[in-house]
Amino acid sequence: MRIVLADDHSMVAEGFRMILDQQPDFEVVGVASSPAQAMDMLVELAPDVLVSDVSMGGQKSGLLLAERIEGSSVRCGVVLLTMHDELEFARQAFQHGAKGYVLKSSSDDDLFSAVREAAAGECYLCRELISPFIKDSMRRIDDVPSILTPHESEIAVLSVKGFSNADIADALSVSVKTVESRKSKIMAKLGLKSKPELFDYVVRHRLF
């Protein structure tokens, strides 16, 4: 799995490079120190994943980079690394096209999982933010179109945020089989065929 790493602090970048290189299936093929350099590397090296700091020379430069990639011909998953544990930052990351959001204080396993999920086109949120995200999502369910039942709405939102069926089942006090069944019904009701389509639907309706 080919990875480009972007961080404007060379020592931090080297530290994360060493962490990522622990995985035999990971290869860091480039390290960028600015959004512009990162974009050039993505075009030249065609990696599977970009792991980028959220703030390179600007508070939201990583978010803008993810948005630029989303609107370009470049095809790679974006994982954002950050010190910001505010839910609004995470929400904005997904809205701008990032597939993963991981705190710099998160475990190495969290980062590895985020990279693998992003490479597969899936979303991933670090474990420290799962519980507050679930609580925040449930407060937002009233805005979901009425075509979905309340539980279907909760499952749709939590699913595209990267929560596993087991996480969702625990949060909603239902079985994993119930979650799987309701996911199928959600896709049928909305006329969708894939998780990326469901992700687009949730983002378009500003449910994050």
N, C-alpha and C. Protein backbone atom coordinates (compact mmCIF):
# COMPACT_ATOMS: atom_id res chain seq x y z
N MET A 1 0.85 -1.18 0.00
CA MET A 1 0.00 0.00 0.00
C MET A 1 0.89 1.24 0.00
N ARG A 2 0.77 2.05 -1.02
CA ARG A 2 1.65 3.20 -1.20
C ARG A 2 1.05 4.44 -0.50
N ILE A 3 1.90 5.14 0.27
CA ILE A 3 1.44 6.24 1.09
C ILE A 3 2.32 7.47 0.87
N VAL A 4 1.68 8.63 0.74
CA VAL A 4 2.38 9.91 0.81
C VAL A 4 2.02 10.55 2.14
N LEU A 5 3.03 11.04 2.84
CA LEU A 5 2.87 11.66 4.15
C LEU A 5 3.10 13.17 4.01
N ALA A 6 2.24 13.97 4.61
CA ALA A 6 2.39 15.43 4.51
C ALA A 6 2.32 16.07 5.89
N ASP A 7 3.39 16.78 6.27
CA ASP A 7 3.44 17.52 7.54
C ASP A 7 4.55 18.54 7.42
N ASP A 8 4.29 19.77 7.87
CA ASP A 8 5.30 20.82 7.72
C ASP A 8 6.33 20.83 8.84
N HIS A 9 6.24 19.88 9.76
CA HIS A 9 7.26 19.72 10.79
C HIS A 9 8.04 18.44 10.49
N SER A 10 9.29 18.60 10.10
CA SER A 10 10.08 17.46 9.60
C SER A 10 10.25 16.36 10.63
N MET A 11 10.43 16.71 11.91
CA MET A 11 10.61 15.69 12.93
C MET A 11 9.32 14.90 13.15
N VAL A 12 8.18 15.60 13.10
CA VAL A 12 6.89 14.92 13.25
C VAL A 12 6.67 13.99 12.06
N ALA A 13 6.97 14.48 10.87
CA ALA A 13 6.80 13.67 9.66
C ALA A 13 7.66 12.42 9.72
N GLU A 14 8.91 12.57 10.17
CA GLU A 14 9.80 11.42 10.25
C GLU A 14 9.29 10.40 11.28
N GLY A 15 8.74 10.92 12.39
CA GLY A 15 8.19 10.02 13.40
C GLY A 15 7.04 9.19 12.86
N PHE A 16 6.13 9.83 12.13
CA PHE A 16 5.00 9.09 11.57
C PHE A 16 5.44 8.18 10.43
N ARG A 17 6.50 8.57 9.72
CA ARG A 17 7.03 7.70 8.68
C ARG A 17 7.53 6.40 9.30
N MET A 18 8.24 6.50 10.41
CA MET A 18 8.76 5.32 11.09
C MET A 18 7.61 4.43 11.58
N ILE A 19 6.54 5.06 12.08
CA ILE A 19 5.37 4.30 12.55
C ILE A 19 4.72 3.55 11.39
N LEU A 20 4.50 4.24 10.28
CA LEU A 20 3.84 3.61 9.13
C LEU A 20 4.70 2.51 8.53
N ASP A 21 6.01 2.69 8.56
CA ASP A 21 6.92 1.70 7.99
C ASP A 21 6.97 0.41 8.80
N GLN A 22 6.35 0.42 10.00
CA GLN A 22 6.30 -0.82 10.79
C GLN A 22 5.47 -1.89 10.09
N GLN A 23 4.53 -1.46 9.27
CA GLN A 23 3.62 -2.40 8.62
C GLN A 23 4.23 -2.91 7.31
N PRO A 24 4.35 -4.23 7.17
CA PRO A 24 5.01 -4.78 5.98
C PRO A 24 4.30 -4.46 4.67
N ASP A 25 2.99 -4.18 4.74
CA ASP A 25 2.25 -3.88 3.52
C ASP A 25 2.15 -2.38 3.24
N PHE A 26 2.81 -1.55 4.08
CA PHE A 26 2.82 -0.11 3.88
C PHE A 26 4.17 0.32 3.29
N GLU A 27 4.13 1.27 2.38
CA GLU A 27 5.35 1.86 1.84
C GLU A 27 5.16 3.37 1.71
N VAL A 28 5.90 4.14 2.49
CA VAL A 28 5.85 5.60 2.38
C VAL A 28 6.71 5.99 1.20
N VAL A 29 6.08 6.42 0.12
CA VAL A 29 6.81 6.71 -1.13
C VAL A 29 7.18 8.17 -1.26
N GLY A 30 6.66 9.03 -0.36
CA GLY A 30 7.00 10.44 -0.43
C GLY A 30 6.58 11.17 0.83
N VAL A 31 7.34 12.22 1.18
CA VAL A 31 7.02 13.05 2.33
C VAL A 31 6.99 14.50 1.87
N ALA A 32 5.85 15.16 2.02
CA ALA A 32 5.68 16.54 1.59
C ALA A 32 5.62 17.46 2.80
N SER A 33 6.02 18.70 2.61
CA SER A 33 6.02 19.67 3.71
C SER A 33 5.02 20.80 3.50
N SER A 34 4.23 20.71 2.42
CA SER A 34 3.22 21.74 2.15
C SER A 34 2.10 21.12 1.32
N PRO A 35 0.91 21.72 1.34
CA PRO A 35 -0.19 21.21 0.51
C PRO A 35 0.15 21.16 -0.97
N ALA A 36 0.85 22.19 -1.46
CA ALA A 36 1.21 22.23 -2.89
C ALA A 36 2.15 21.09 -3.24
N GLN A 37 3.14 20.84 -2.39
CA GLN A 37 4.08 19.75 -2.64
C GLN A 37 3.38 18.40 -2.55
N ALA A 38 2.45 18.29 -1.60
CA ALA A 38 1.69 17.05 -1.46
C ALA A 38 0.89 16.77 -2.74
N MET A 39 0.23 17.79 -3.27
CA MET A 39 -0.56 17.61 -4.49
C MET A 39 0.31 17.18 -5.65
N ASP A 40 1.50 17.78 -5.77
CA ASP A 40 2.43 17.39 -6.84
C ASP A 40 2.83 15.92 -6.70
N MET A 41 3.08 15.50 -5.46
CA MET A 41 3.49 14.11 -5.22
C MET A 41 2.36 13.13 -5.55
N LEU A 42 1.12 13.53 -5.24
CA LEU A 42 -0.01 12.65 -5.53
C LEU A 42 -0.14 12.43 -7.03
N VAL A 43 0.07 13.48 -7.81
CA VAL A 43 -0.01 13.36 -9.27
C VAL A 43 1.14 12.51 -9.80
N GLU A 44 2.34 12.74 -9.25
CA GLU A 44 3.53 12.06 -9.76
C GLU A 44 3.64 10.60 -9.29
N LEU A 45 3.29 10.34 -8.03
CA LEU A 45 3.54 9.03 -7.44
C LEU A 45 2.32 8.12 -7.38
N ALA A 46 1.12 8.69 -7.55
CA ALA A 46 -0.14 7.93 -7.54
C ALA A 46 -0.24 6.96 -6.35
N PRO A 47 -0.17 7.48 -5.12
CA PRO A 47 -0.27 6.60 -3.94
C PRO A 47 -1.72 6.15 -3.71
N ASP A 48 -1.85 5.19 -2.82
CA ASP A 48 -3.19 4.73 -2.43
C ASP A 48 -3.82 5.65 -1.39
N VAL A 49 -2.95 6.21 -0.54
CA VAL A 49 -3.44 7.02 0.58
C VAL A 49 -2.52 8.21 0.82
N LEU A 50 -3.12 9.35 1.15
CA LEU A 50 -2.38 10.50 1.67
C LEU A 50 -2.68 10.62 3.16
N VAL A 51 -1.63 10.65 3.97
CA VAL A 51 -1.77 10.89 5.40
C VAL A 51 -1.24 12.29 5.65
N SER A 52 -2.14 13.21 6.00
CA SER A 52 -1.76 14.63 6.06
C SER A 52 -2.12 15.27 7.39
N ASP A 53 -1.26 16.18 7.83
CA ASP A 53 -1.58 17.03 8.97
C ASP A 53 -2.73 17.94 8.57
N VAL A 54 -3.61 18.25 9.51
CA VAL A 54 -4.72 19.15 9.23
C VAL A 54 -4.22 20.58 9.02
N SER A 55 -3.20 20.98 9.77
CA SER A 55 -2.74 22.37 9.76
C SER A 55 -1.30 22.48 9.26
N MET A 56 -1.14 22.73 7.98
CA MET A 56 0.18 22.97 7.41
C MET A 56 0.23 24.41 6.92
N GLY A 57 0.77 25.30 7.73
CA GLY A 57 0.85 26.69 7.34
C GLY A 57 -0.48 27.43 7.43
N GLY A 58 -1.49 26.77 7.92
CA GLY A 58 -2.81 27.37 8.04
C GLY A 58 -3.71 26.43 8.80
N GLN A 59 -4.67 26.96 9.56
CA GLN A 59 -5.47 26.14 10.46
C GLN A 59 -6.23 25.04 9.74
N LYS A 60 -6.69 25.31 8.51
CA LYS A 60 -7.51 24.33 7.81
C LYS A 60 -6.90 23.91 6.47
N SER A 61 -5.59 24.03 6.32
CA SER A 61 -4.95 23.72 5.05
C SER A 61 -5.16 22.26 4.64
N GLY A 62 -5.15 21.36 5.64
CA GLY A 62 -5.37 19.95 5.34
C GLY A 62 -6.78 19.69 4.83
N LEU A 63 -7.76 20.41 5.40
CA LEU A 63 -9.14 20.28 4.95
C LEU A 63 -9.27 20.75 3.50
N LEU A 64 -8.63 21.87 3.18
CA LEU A 64 -8.69 22.40 1.83
C LEU A 64 -7.99 21.48 0.85
N LEU A 65 -6.91 20.83 1.30
CA LEU A 65 -6.21 19.88 0.45
C LEU A 65 -7.10 18.68 0.15
N ALA A 66 -7.79 18.18 1.17
CA ALA A 66 -8.71 17.05 0.97
C ALA A 66 -9.80 17.43 -0.02
N GLU A 67 -10.32 18.65 0.10
CA GLU A 67 -11.36 19.11 -0.81
C GLU A 67 -10.84 19.22 -2.24
N ARG A 68 -9.60 19.70 -2.37
CA ARG A 68 -9.01 19.82 -3.71
C ARG A 68 -8.84 18.45 -4.35
N ILE A 69 -8.40 17.49 -3.56
CA ILE A 69 -8.22 16.12 -4.08
C ILE A 69 -9.57 15.54 -4.50
N GLU A 70 -10.59 15.77 -3.67
CA GLU A 70 -11.93 15.26 -3.96
C GLU A 70 -12.44 15.78 -5.30
N GLY A 71 -12.09 17.01 -5.65
CA GLY A 71 -12.57 17.61 -6.89
C GLY A 71 -11.63 17.44 -8.07
N SER A 72 -10.57 16.66 -7.89
CA SER A 72 -9.58 16.48 -8.96
C SER A 72 -9.67 15.06 -9.54
N SER A 73 -8.76 14.79 -10.46
CA SER A 73 -8.70 13.45 -11.06
C SER A 73 -7.86 12.49 -10.23
N VAL A 74 -7.22 13.00 -9.17
CA VAL A 74 -6.41 12.16 -8.29
C VAL A 74 -7.31 11.20 -7.54
N ARG A 75 -6.91 9.95 -7.48
CA ARG A 75 -7.70 8.93 -6.79
C ARG A 75 -6.90 8.33 -5.65
N CYS A 76 -7.08 8.88 -4.46
CA CYS A 76 -6.44 8.31 -3.27
C CYS A 76 -7.26 8.70 -2.05
N GLY A 77 -7.24 7.85 -1.05
CA GLY A 77 -7.95 8.16 0.18
C GLY A 77 -7.13 9.13 1.02
N VAL A 78 -7.82 10.01 1.73
CA VAL A 78 -7.14 11.00 2.57
C VAL A 78 -7.42 10.73 4.04
N VAL A 79 -6.34 10.59 4.81
CA VAL A 79 -6.44 10.45 6.26
C VAL A 79 -5.84 11.70 6.87
N LEU A 80 -6.59 12.39 7.71
CA LEU A 80 -6.10 13.60 8.34
C LEU A 80 -5.64 13.31 9.77
N LEU A 81 -4.43 13.76 10.08
CA LEU A 81 -3.86 13.65 11.42
C LEU A 81 -3.96 15.00 12.10
N THR A 82 -4.33 15.03 13.37
CA THR A 82 -4.58 16.32 14.00
C THR A 82 -4.47 16.27 15.52
N MET A 83 -4.29 17.45 16.10
CA MET A 83 -4.37 17.59 17.55
C MET A 83 -5.78 18.02 17.95
N HIS A 84 -6.61 18.38 16.96
CA HIS A 84 -7.95 18.92 17.24
C HIS A 84 -8.94 17.77 17.53
N ASP A 85 -9.43 17.71 18.76
CA ASP A 85 -10.40 16.67 19.11
C ASP A 85 -11.83 17.21 19.13
N GLU A 86 -12.02 18.43 18.60
CA GLU A 86 -13.37 18.99 18.52
C GLU A 86 -14.18 18.28 17.44
N LEU A 87 -15.43 17.95 17.74
CA LEU A 87 -16.25 17.23 16.78
C LEU A 87 -16.45 18.01 15.49
N GLU A 88 -16.50 19.33 15.59
CA GLU A 88 -16.74 20.14 14.39
C GLU A 88 -15.59 19.98 13.39
N PHE A 89 -14.36 19.86 13.87
CA PHE A 89 -13.23 19.65 12.97
C PHE A 89 -13.37 18.30 12.26
N ALA A 90 -13.74 17.27 13.00
CA ALA A 90 -13.91 15.95 12.39
C ALA A 90 -15.02 15.97 11.36
N ARG A 91 -16.12 16.64 11.70
CA ARG A 91 -17.26 16.73 10.78
C ARG A 91 -16.84 17.44 9.49
N GLN A 92 -16.09 18.53 9.64
CA GLN A 92 -15.63 19.26 8.47
C GLN A 92 -14.68 18.43 7.62
N ALA A 93 -13.87 17.60 8.28
CA ALA A 93 -12.94 16.75 7.54
C ALA A 93 -13.69 15.83 6.58
N PHE A 94 -14.75 15.19 7.07
CA PHE A 94 -15.53 14.30 6.21
C PHE A 94 -16.27 15.09 5.13
N GLN A 95 -16.76 16.25 5.48
CA GLN A 95 -17.46 17.07 4.50
C GLN A 95 -16.54 17.53 3.38
N HIS A 96 -15.26 17.68 3.68
CA HIS A 96 -14.29 18.12 2.68
C HIS A 96 -13.71 16.95 1.87
N GLY A 97 -14.15 15.74 2.16
CA GLY A 97 -13.72 14.60 1.36
C GLY A 97 -12.74 13.66 2.00
N ALA A 98 -12.30 13.93 3.24
CA ALA A 98 -11.38 13.02 3.92
C ALA A 98 -12.10 11.71 4.23
N LYS A 99 -11.34 10.63 4.23
CA LYS A 99 -11.88 9.32 4.58
C LYS A 99 -11.55 8.91 6.01
N GLY A 100 -10.51 9.52 6.57
CA GLY A 100 -10.12 9.17 7.92
C GLY A 100 -9.77 10.39 8.73
N TYR A 101 -10.03 10.32 10.04
CA TYR A 101 -9.71 11.42 10.96
C TYR A 101 -9.13 10.79 12.22
N VAL A 102 -7.85 11.05 12.46
CA VAL A 102 -7.13 10.40 13.55
C VAL A 102 -6.37 11.43 14.36
N LEU A 103 -6.50 11.39 15.68
CA LEU A 103 -5.74 12.28 16.55
C LEU A 103 -4.27 11.84 16.59
N LYS A 104 -3.38 12.81 16.71
CA LYS A 104 -1.96 12.46 16.78
C LYS A 104 -1.64 11.69 18.06
N SER A 105 -2.54 11.78 19.03
CA SER A 105 -2.36 11.03 20.28
C SER A 105 -2.98 9.64 20.22
N SER A 106 -3.62 9.31 19.10
CA SER A 106 -4.26 8.00 18.96
C SER A 106 -3.21 6.89 18.88
N SER A 107 -3.66 5.67 19.06
CA SER A 107 -2.74 4.52 18.99
C SER A 107 -2.26 4.29 17.56
N ASP A 108 -1.13 3.60 17.44
CA ASP A 108 -0.63 3.24 16.12
C ASP A 108 -1.65 2.40 15.36
N ASP A 109 -2.33 1.50 16.08
CA ASP A 109 -3.32 0.64 15.44
C ASP A 109 -4.47 1.46 14.83
N ASP A 110 -4.84 2.55 15.50
CA ASP A 110 -5.87 3.43 14.95
C ASP A 110 -5.42 4.00 13.60
N LEU A 111 -4.18 4.46 13.55
CA LEU A 111 -3.65 5.01 12.30
C LEU A 111 -3.59 3.95 11.22
N PHE A 112 -3.13 2.75 11.56
CA PHE A 112 -3.05 1.67 10.58
C PHE A 112 -4.44 1.35 10.02
N SER A 113 -5.42 1.28 10.91
CA SER A 113 -6.79 0.98 10.48
C SER A 113 -7.33 2.07 9.57
N ALA A 114 -7.05 3.32 9.92
CA ALA A 114 -7.53 4.44 9.11
C ALA A 114 -6.95 4.38 7.70
N VAL A 115 -5.67 4.07 7.60
CA VAL A 115 -5.02 3.98 6.29
C VAL A 115 -5.65 2.87 5.45
N ARG A 116 -5.85 1.72 6.06
CA ARG A 116 -6.42 0.59 5.31
C ARG A 116 -7.86 0.87 4.88
N GLU A 117 -8.64 1.47 5.76
CA GLU A 117 -10.03 1.79 5.41
C GLU A 117 -10.08 2.84 4.31
N ALA A 118 -9.23 3.85 4.40
CA ALA A 118 -9.20 4.90 3.38
C ALA A 118 -8.80 4.34 2.02
N ALA A 119 -7.85 3.41 2.02
CA ALA A 119 -7.42 2.79 0.76
C ALA A 119 -8.55 2.00 0.12
N ALA A 120 -9.44 1.48 0.96
CA ALA A 120 -10.59 0.71 0.47
C ALA A 120 -11.79 1.59 0.15
N GLY A 121 -11.64 2.91 0.33
CA GLY A 121 -12.74 3.83 0.06
C GLY A 121 -13.74 3.95 1.19
N GLU A 122 -13.37 3.46 2.37
CA GLU A 122 -14.25 3.53 3.53
C GLU A 122 -13.84 4.67 4.47
N CYS A 123 -14.74 5.01 5.38
CA CYS A 123 -14.47 6.07 6.35
C CYS A 123 -13.98 5.48 7.67
N TYR A 124 -13.16 6.24 8.38
CA TYR A 124 -12.66 5.78 9.68
C TYR A 124 -12.50 6.96 10.62
N LEU A 125 -12.98 6.78 11.84
CA LEU A 125 -12.84 7.78 12.89
C LEU A 125 -12.11 7.15 14.07
N CYS A 126 -11.14 7.85 14.63
CA CYS A 126 -10.36 7.28 15.73
C CYS A 126 -11.25 6.97 16.93
N ARG A 127 -10.82 6.01 17.72
CA ARG A 127 -11.65 5.47 18.81
C ARG A 127 -12.00 6.51 19.87
N GLU A 128 -11.09 7.48 20.11
CA GLU A 128 -11.36 8.48 21.15
C GLU A 128 -12.60 9.31 20.85
N LEU A 129 -12.94 9.43 19.57
CA LEU A 129 -14.05 10.30 19.18
C LEU A 129 -15.33 9.54 18.86
N ILE A 130 -15.30 8.21 18.90
CA ILE A 130 -16.48 7.44 18.53
C ILE A 130 -17.67 7.74 19.44
N SER A 131 -17.46 7.67 20.76
CA SER A 131 -18.57 7.88 21.68
C SER A 131 -19.18 9.28 21.56
N PRO A 132 -18.36 10.36 21.60
CA PRO A 132 -18.97 11.69 21.44
C PRO A 132 -19.62 11.89 20.08
N PHE A 133 -19.05 11.25 19.04
CA PHE A 133 -19.65 11.37 17.72
C PHE A 133 -21.03 10.71 17.67
N ILE A 134 -21.14 9.56 18.29
CA ILE A 134 -22.43 8.87 18.32
C ILE A 134 -23.48 9.72 19.04
N LYS A 135 -23.10 10.27 20.20
CA LYS A 135 -24.04 11.11 20.95
C LYS A 135 -24.44 12.34 20.13
N ASP A 136 -23.47 12.95 19.48
CA ASP A 136 -23.75 14.14 18.67
C ASP A 136 -24.64 13.79 17.48
N SER A 137 -24.38 12.64 16.88
CA SER A 137 -25.18 12.20 15.73
C SER A 137 -26.63 12.00 16.10
N MET A 138 -26.85 11.42 17.24
CA MET A 138 -28.22 11.16 17.68
C MET A 138 -28.99 12.46 17.92
N ARG A 139 -28.26 13.52 18.32
CA ARG A 139 -28.93 14.81 18.51
C ARG A 139 -29.32 15.43 17.17
N ARG A 140 -28.66 15.00 16.09
CA ARG A 140 -28.90 15.58 14.77
C ARG A 140 -29.94 14.81 13.95
N ILE A 141 -30.40 13.70 14.47
CA ILE A 141 -31.28 12.83 13.69
C ILE A 141 -32.57 13.52 13.27
N ASP A 142 -33.04 14.50 14.01
CA ASP A 142 -34.28 15.19 13.66
C ASP A 142 -34.23 15.82 12.28
N ASP A 143 -33.02 16.09 11.77
CA ASP A 143 -32.87 16.73 10.47
C ASP A 143 -32.88 15.73 9.31
N VAL A 144 -32.90 14.44 9.62
CA VAL A 144 -32.87 13.43 8.56
C VAL A 144 -34.23 13.37 7.86
N PRO A 145 -34.26 13.28 6.52
CA PRO A 145 -35.54 13.20 5.80
C PRO A 145 -36.43 12.09 6.36
N SER A 146 -37.73 12.34 6.37
CA SER A 146 -38.69 11.46 7.04
C SER A 146 -38.88 10.12 6.33
N ILE A 147 -38.28 9.94 5.15
CA ILE A 147 -38.40 8.66 4.46
C ILE A 147 -37.80 7.54 5.30
N LEU A 148 -36.89 7.88 6.21
CA LEU A 148 -36.27 6.88 7.08
C LEU A 148 -36.88 6.94 8.48
N THR A 149 -36.98 5.78 9.12
CA THR A 149 -37.43 5.74 10.51
C THR A 149 -36.30 6.28 11.39
N PRO A 150 -36.60 6.64 12.64
CA PRO A 150 -35.54 7.16 13.52
C PRO A 150 -34.33 6.22 13.64
N HIS A 151 -34.58 4.92 13.84
CA HIS A 151 -33.45 3.99 13.95
C HIS A 151 -32.70 3.86 12.64
N GLU A 152 -33.41 3.86 11.51
CA GLU A 152 -32.74 3.80 10.21
C GLU A 152 -31.88 5.05 10.00
N SER A 153 -32.38 6.19 10.43
CA SER A 153 -31.64 7.45 10.31
C SER A 153 -30.35 7.38 11.13
N GLU A 154 -30.45 6.89 12.36
CA GLU A 154 -29.27 6.77 13.20
C GLU A 154 -28.25 5.83 12.57
N ILE A 155 -28.71 4.72 12.07
CA ILE A 155 -27.81 3.74 11.47
C ILE A 155 -27.14 4.29 10.22
N ALA A 156 -27.88 5.02 9.40
CA ALA A 156 -27.32 5.59 8.18
C ALA A 156 -26.18 6.56 8.50
N VAL A 157 -26.42 7.44 9.47
CA VAL A 157 -25.42 8.44 9.82
C VAL A 157 -24.19 7.79 10.45
N LEU A 158 -24.40 6.88 11.38
CA LEU A 158 -23.28 6.25 12.07
C LEU A 158 -22.48 5.36 11.14
N SER A 159 -23.16 4.72 10.20
CA SER A 159 -22.49 3.82 9.27
C SER A 159 -21.48 4.56 8.40
N VAL A 160 -21.89 5.69 7.84
CA VAL A 160 -20.98 6.41 6.95
C VAL A 160 -19.86 7.11 7.71
N LYS A 161 -20.00 7.21 9.02
CA LYS A 161 -18.93 7.80 9.83
C LYS A 161 -17.88 6.76 10.21
N GLY A 162 -18.04 5.55 9.73
CA GLY A 162 -17.03 4.54 9.92
C GLY A 162 -17.22 3.62 11.10
N PHE A 163 -18.37 3.73 11.80
CA PHE A 163 -18.60 2.85 12.93
C PHE A 163 -18.95 1.44 12.45
N SER A 164 -18.43 0.45 13.14
CA SER A 164 -18.71 -0.94 12.78
C SER A 164 -20.14 -1.30 13.16
N ASN A 165 -20.63 -2.40 12.61
CA ASN A 165 -21.97 -2.88 12.97
C ASN A 165 -22.07 -3.13 14.47
N ALA A 166 -20.98 -3.63 15.06
CA ALA A 166 -20.98 -3.90 16.50
C ALA A 166 -21.08 -2.60 17.31
N ASP A 167 -20.34 -1.56 16.86
CA ASP A 167 -20.40 -0.26 17.54
C ASP A 167 -21.83 0.29 17.50
N ILE A 168 -22.45 0.21 16.31
CA ILE A 168 -23.80 0.75 16.14
C ILE A 168 -24.80 -0.04 16.97
N ALA A 169 -24.64 -1.36 16.97
CA ALA A 169 -25.55 -2.21 17.74
C ALA A 169 -25.48 -1.86 19.23
N ASP A 170 -24.25 -1.67 19.75
CA ASP A 170 -24.09 -1.30 21.16
C ASP A 170 -24.71 0.05 21.45
N ALA A 171 -24.51 1.00 20.55
CA ALA A 171 -25.03 2.36 20.77
C ALA A 171 -26.55 2.40 20.78
N LEU A 172 -27.17 1.56 19.94
CA LEU A 172 -28.62 1.58 19.80
C LEU A 172 -29.32 0.47 20.59
N SER A 173 -28.53 -0.34 21.29
CA SER A 173 -29.07 -1.45 22.10
C SER A 173 -29.90 -2.42 21.26
N VAL A 174 -29.34 -2.81 20.10
CA VAL A 174 -29.97 -3.81 19.25
C VAL A 174 -28.89 -4.82 18.86
N SER A 175 -29.30 -5.88 18.18
CA SER A 175 -28.34 -6.90 17.78
C SER A 175 -27.62 -6.49 16.50
N VAL A 176 -26.48 -7.12 16.26
CA VAL A 176 -25.73 -6.86 15.03
C VAL A 176 -26.56 -7.26 13.81
N LYS A 177 -27.31 -8.36 13.92
CA LYS A 177 -28.16 -8.79 12.80
C LYS A 177 -29.23 -7.75 12.48
N THR A 178 -29.75 -7.10 13.54
CA THR A 178 -30.75 -6.04 13.32
C THR A 178 -30.13 -4.87 12.55
N VAL A 179 -28.92 -4.51 12.93
CA VAL A 179 -28.22 -3.42 12.22
C VAL A 179 -28.03 -3.80 10.76
N GLU A 180 -27.58 -5.02 10.50
CA GLU A 180 -27.34 -5.45 9.12
C GLU A 180 -28.64 -5.42 8.31
N SER A 181 -29.73 -5.88 8.92
CA SER A 181 -31.03 -5.90 8.24
C SER A 181 -31.50 -4.49 7.92
N ARG A 182 -31.36 -3.59 8.89
CA ARG A 182 -31.82 -2.21 8.67
C ARG A 182 -30.96 -1.48 7.65
N LYS A 183 -29.68 -1.83 7.58
CA LYS A 183 -28.82 -1.23 6.56
C LYS A 183 -29.33 -1.59 5.16
N SER A 184 -29.72 -2.85 5.00
CA SER A 184 -30.25 -3.29 3.71
C SER A 184 -31.53 -2.53 3.36
N LYS A 185 -32.39 -2.33 4.36
CA LYS A 185 -33.65 -1.61 4.12
C LYS A 185 -33.39 -0.15 3.77
N ILE A 186 -32.38 0.45 4.43
CA ILE A 186 -32.02 1.85 4.15
C ILE A 186 -31.61 2.00 2.69
N MET A 187 -30.74 1.12 2.24
CA MET A 187 -30.25 1.19 0.86
C MET A 187 -31.40 1.02 -0.13
N ALA A 188 -32.32 0.12 0.19
CA ALA A 188 -33.46 -0.11 -0.70
C ALA A 188 -34.38 1.10 -0.73
N LYS A 189 -34.66 1.68 0.44
CA LYS A 189 -35.55 2.84 0.52
C LYS A 189 -35.00 4.03 -0.27
N LEU A 190 -33.69 4.23 -0.18
CA LEU A 190 -33.07 5.39 -0.81
C LEU A 190 -32.65 5.11 -2.25
N GLY A 191 -32.79 3.86 -2.68
CA GLY A 191 -32.41 3.50 -4.04
C GLY A 191 -30.91 3.54 -4.26
N LEU A 192 -30.15 3.20 -3.23
CA LEU A 192 -28.69 3.26 -3.30
C LEU A 192 -28.11 1.85 -3.37
N LYS A 193 -26.90 1.75 -3.94
CA LYS A 193 -26.30 0.43 -4.11
C LYS A 193 -24.94 0.27 -3.42
N SER A 194 -24.37 1.35 -2.92
CA SER A 194 -23.04 1.24 -2.32
C SER A 194 -22.90 2.20 -1.14
N LYS A 195 -21.91 1.92 -0.31
CA LYS A 195 -21.65 2.79 0.84
C LYS A 195 -21.21 4.19 0.41
N PRO A 196 -20.37 4.33 -0.64
CA PRO A 196 -20.04 5.69 -1.10
C PRO A 196 -21.28 6.49 -1.50
N GLU A 197 -22.28 5.83 -2.08
CA GLU A 197 -23.52 6.53 -2.44
C GLU A 197 -24.26 6.98 -1.18
N LEU A 198 -24.25 6.13 -0.16
CA LEU A 198 -24.89 6.50 1.11
C LEU A 198 -24.13 7.66 1.75
N PHE A 199 -22.80 7.62 1.66
CA PHE A 199 -21.98 8.71 2.18
C PHE A 199 -22.34 10.03 1.49
N ASP A 200 -22.44 10.00 0.16
CA ASP A 200 -22.81 11.20 -0.59
C ASP A 200 -24.18 11.72 -0.17
N TYR A 201 -25.12 10.81 0.06
CA TYR A 201 -26.48 11.20 0.46
C TYR A 201 -26.45 11.92 1.82
N VAL A 202 -25.71 11.35 2.77
CA VAL A 202 -25.65 11.94 4.11
C VAL A 202 -24.97 13.31 4.06
N VAL A 203 -23.89 13.41 3.28
CA VAL A 203 -23.19 14.69 3.17
C VAL A 203 -24.07 15.74 2.49
N ARG A 204 -24.76 15.36 1.42
CA ARG A 204 -25.62 16.31 0.69
C ARG A 204 -26.73 16.86 1.58
N HIS A 205 -27.21 16.03 2.51
CA HIS A 205 -28.27 16.47 3.41
C HIS A 205 -27.71 17.06 4.70
N ARG A 206 -26.37 17.26 4.73
CA ARG A 206 -25.69 17.92 5.85
C ARG A 206 -26.04 17.27 7.20
N LEU A 207 -25.95 15.94 7.22
CA LEU A 207 -26.30 15.21 8.44
C LEU A 207 -25.10 14.98 9.35
N PHE A 208 -23.87 15.27 8.87
CA PHE A 208 -22.68 15.10 9.71
C PHE A 208 -22.68 16.17 10.80
